[in-house]
């Protein structure tokens, strides 16, 4: 089967475009707040620092990569085999300038 595409996922995902598990610290958290909480939890567990270089395989739309780079200052290299996570107005990449290899 081929990739479904950004438009389909954009209909039901929050702005991080992440379809993995979220961490709801409070019962009334929004999906976006729970996603950000999960990203912060991962970055804190990794003790990410500006001198770190993270390699993320299977990055999807880049939610983790963007969060780690923006909030923890580390360098992130990503890769994905899927053509669907493309740069569009809906994806986080449009809101942050990044170098593409």
C-alpha atoms as a PDB file:
ATOM      1  CA  UNK A   1       0.000   0.000   0.000  1.00  0.00           C
ATOM      2  CA  UNK A   2       1.115   3.525  -0.705  1.00  0.00           C
ATOM      3  CA  UNK A   3       1.389   6.347   1.811  1.00  0.00           C
ATOM      4  CA  UNK A   4      -1.895   8.007   2.693  1.00  0.00           C
ATOM      5  CA  UNK A   5      -0.411  11.468   2.827  1.00  0.00           C
ATOM      6  CA  UNK A   6      -0.193  14.628   4.856  1.00  0.00           C
ATOM      7  CA  UNK A   7      -3.748  15.788   4.202  1.00  0.00           C
ATOM      8  CA  UNK A   8      -5.345  12.694   5.779  1.00  0.00           C
ATOM      9  CA  UNK A   9      -3.204  12.811   8.912  1.00  0.00           C
ATOM     10  CA  UNK A  10      -3.684  16.571   9.161  1.00  0.00           C
ATOM     11  CA  UNK A  11      -7.420  16.000   9.591  1.00  0.00           C
ATOM     12  CA  UNK A  12      -7.023  14.357  12.990  1.00  0.00           C
ATOM     13  CA  UNK A  13      -3.527  15.038  14.323  1.00  0.00           C
ATOM     14  CA  UNK A  14      -2.486  18.128  16.260  1.00  0.00           C
ATOM     15  CA  UNK A  15       0.048  20.603  14.884  1.00  0.00           C
ATOM     16  CA  UNK A  16       3.025  18.407  15.880  1.00  0.00           C
ATOM     17  CA  UNK A  17       1.777  15.860  13.304  1.00  0.00           C
ATOM     18  CA  UNK A  18       2.798  13.008  15.612  1.00  0.00           C
ATOM     19  CA  UNK A  19       0.777   9.805  15.581  1.00  0.00           C
ATOM     20  CA  UNK A  20       2.624   8.004  18.351  1.00  0.00           C
ATOM     21  CA  UNK A  21       1.523   7.920  21.986  1.00  0.00           C
ATOM     22  CA  UNK A  22       1.056  11.150  23.937  1.00  0.00           C
ATOM     23  CA  UNK A  23       1.580  11.593  27.704  1.00  0.00           C
ATOM     24  CA  UNK A  24      -1.408  13.101  29.467  1.00  0.00           C
ATOM     25  CA  UNK A  25      -0.096  14.413  32.797  1.00  0.00           C
ATOM     26  CA  UNK A  26      -3.520  15.889  33.581  1.00  0.00           C
ATOM     27  CA  UNK A  27      -6.915  14.515  32.502  1.00  0.00           C
ATOM     28  CA  UNK A  28      -7.940  17.799  30.872  1.00  0.00           C
ATOM     29  CA  UNK A  29      -4.785  18.287  28.755  1.00  0.00           C
ATOM     30  CA  UNK A  30      -5.252  18.893  25.058  1.00  0.00           C
ATOM     31  CA  UNK A  31      -3.687  16.471  22.606  1.00  0.00           C
ATOM     32  CA  UNK A  32      -1.115  19.115  21.677  1.00  0.00           C
ATOM     33  CA  UNK A  33      -0.160  19.733  25.327  1.00  0.00           C
ATOM     34  CA  UNK A  34       0.158  15.973  25.888  1.00  0.00           C
ATOM     35  CA  UNK A  35       2.376  15.618  22.803  1.00  0.00           C
ATOM     36  CA  UNK A  36       4.644  18.456  23.968  1.00  0.00           C
ATOM     37  CA  UNK A  37       4.749  16.926  27.469  1.00  0.00           C
ATOM     38  CA  UNK A  38       5.882  13.616  25.938  1.00  0.00           C
ATOM     39  CA  UNK A  39       8.545  15.332  23.819  1.00  0.00           C
ATOM     40  CA  UNK A  40       9.879  17.199  26.856  1.00  0.00           C
ATOM     41  CA  UNK A  41       9.896  13.974  28.874  1.00  0.00           C
ATOM     42  CA  UNK A  42      11.981  12.209  26.197  1.00  0.00           C
ATOM     43  CA  UNK A  43      14.409  15.129  25.856  1.00  0.00           C
ATOM     44  CA  UNK A  44      14.862  15.398  29.640  1.00  0.00           C
ATOM     45  CA  UNK A  45      15.423  11.633  29.954  1.00  0.00           C
ATOM     46  CA  UNK A  46      18.096  11.912  27.272  1.00  0.00           C
ATOM     47  CA  UNK A  47      19.516  14.969  29.058  1.00  0.00           C
ATOM     48  CA  UNK A  48      19.855  16.700  25.696  1.00  0.00           C
ATOM     49  CA  UNK A  49      22.364  19.525  25.555  1.00  0.00           C
ATOM     50  CA  UNK A  50      23.322  21.984  22.806  1.00  0.00           C
ATOM     51  CA  UNK A  51      26.504  19.969  22.205  1.00  0.00           C
ATOM     52  CA  UNK A  52      24.545  16.752  21.455  1.00  0.00           C
ATOM     53  CA  UNK A  53      23.863  15.350  17.985  1.00  0.00           C
ATOM     54  CA  UNK A  54      20.738  13.178  17.737  1.00  0.00           C
ATOM     55  CA  UNK A  55      20.070  10.832  14.818  1.00  0.00           C
ATOM     56  CA  UNK A  56      16.377  10.081  14.348  1.00  0.00           C
ATOM     57  CA  UNK A  57      15.442   7.271  11.976  1.00  0.00           C
ATOM     58  CA  UNK A  58      11.860   7.300  10.733  1.00  0.00           C
ATOM     59  CA  UNK A  59      11.228  10.935  11.557  1.00  0.00           C
ATOM     60  CA  UNK A  60       7.780  11.252   9.985  1.00  0.00           C
ATOM     61  CA  UNK A  61       6.892  14.943   9.956  1.00  0.00           C
ATOM     62  CA  UNK A  62       9.787  15.823  12.255  1.00  0.00           C
ATOM     63  CA  UNK A  63       7.945  16.682  15.482  1.00  0.00           C
ATOM     64  CA  UNK A  64      10.625  15.258  17.763  1.00  0.00           C
ATOM     65  CA  UNK A  65      13.505  16.629  15.686  1.00  0.00           C
ATOM     66  CA  UNK A  66      12.060  20.128  15.671  1.00  0.00           C
ATOM     67  CA  UNK A  67      11.247  20.053  19.382  1.00  0.00           C
ATOM     68  CA  UNK A  68      14.713  18.812  20.353  1.00  0.00           C
ATOM     69  CA  UNK A  69      16.474  21.388  18.171  1.00  0.00           C
ATOM     70  CA  UNK A  70      14.254  24.326  19.125  1.00  0.00           C
ATOM     71  CA  UNK A  71      13.943  23.705  22.871  1.00  0.00           C
ATOM     72  CA  UNK A  72      17.181  21.893  23.725  1.00  0.00           C
ATOM     73  CA  UNK A  73      19.514  23.396  21.131  1.00  0.00           C
ATOM     74  CA  UNK A  74      20.938  20.103  19.925  1.00  0.00           C
ATOM     75  CA  UNK A  75      21.780  19.191  16.359  1.00  0.00           C
ATOM     76  CA  UNK A  76      19.405  16.643  14.814  1.00  0.00           C
ATOM     77  CA  UNK A  77      19.843  14.522  11.701  1.00  0.00           C
ATOM     78  CA  UNK A  78      16.702  12.783  10.456  1.00  0.00           C
ATOM     79  CA  UNK A  79      15.767  10.292   7.792  1.00  0.00           C
ATOM     80  CA  UNK A  80      12.574   8.737   6.493  1.00  0.00           C
ATOM     81  CA  UNK A  81      11.741   6.454   3.576  1.00  0.00           C
ATOM     82  CA  UNK A  82       8.211   7.757   3.280  1.00  0.00           C
ATOM     83  CA  UNK A  83       7.410  10.367   0.626  1.00  0.00           C
ATOM     84  CA  UNK A  84       4.223  11.434   2.484  1.00  0.00           C
ATOM     85  CA  UNK A  85       5.763  13.624   5.201  1.00  0.00           C
ATOM     86  CA  UNK A  86       6.376  16.526   2.903  1.00  0.00           C
ATOM     87  CA  UNK A  87       6.842  20.184   3.623  1.00  0.00           C
ATOM     88  CA  UNK A  88       3.448  21.839   3.375  1.00  0.00           C
ATOM     89  CA  UNK A  89       1.624  24.590   5.204  1.00  0.00           C
ATOM     90  CA  UNK A  90       0.318  21.976   7.674  1.00  0.00           C
ATOM     91  CA  UNK A  91       3.690  20.536   8.689  1.00  0.00           C
ATOM     92  CA  UNK A  92       5.936  21.895  11.456  1.00  0.00           C
ATOM     93  CA  UNK A  93       8.824  22.304   8.971  1.00  0.00           C
ATOM     94  CA  UNK A  94       7.106  25.328   7.412  1.00  0.00           C
ATOM     95  CA  UNK A  95       7.377  27.205  10.690  1.00  0.00           C
ATOM     96  CA  UNK A  96      11.101  26.652  11.212  1.00  0.00           C
ATOM     97  CA  UNK A  97      13.994  26.961   8.832  1.00  0.00           C
ATOM     98  CA  UNK A  98      16.122  23.834   8.595  1.00  0.00           C
ATOM     99  CA  UNK A  99      18.835  22.659   6.227  1.00  0.00           C
ATOM    100  CA  UNK A 100      17.918  19.685   4.059  1.00  0.00           C
ATOM    101  CA  UNK A 101      20.635  17.282   2.959  1.00  0.00           C
END
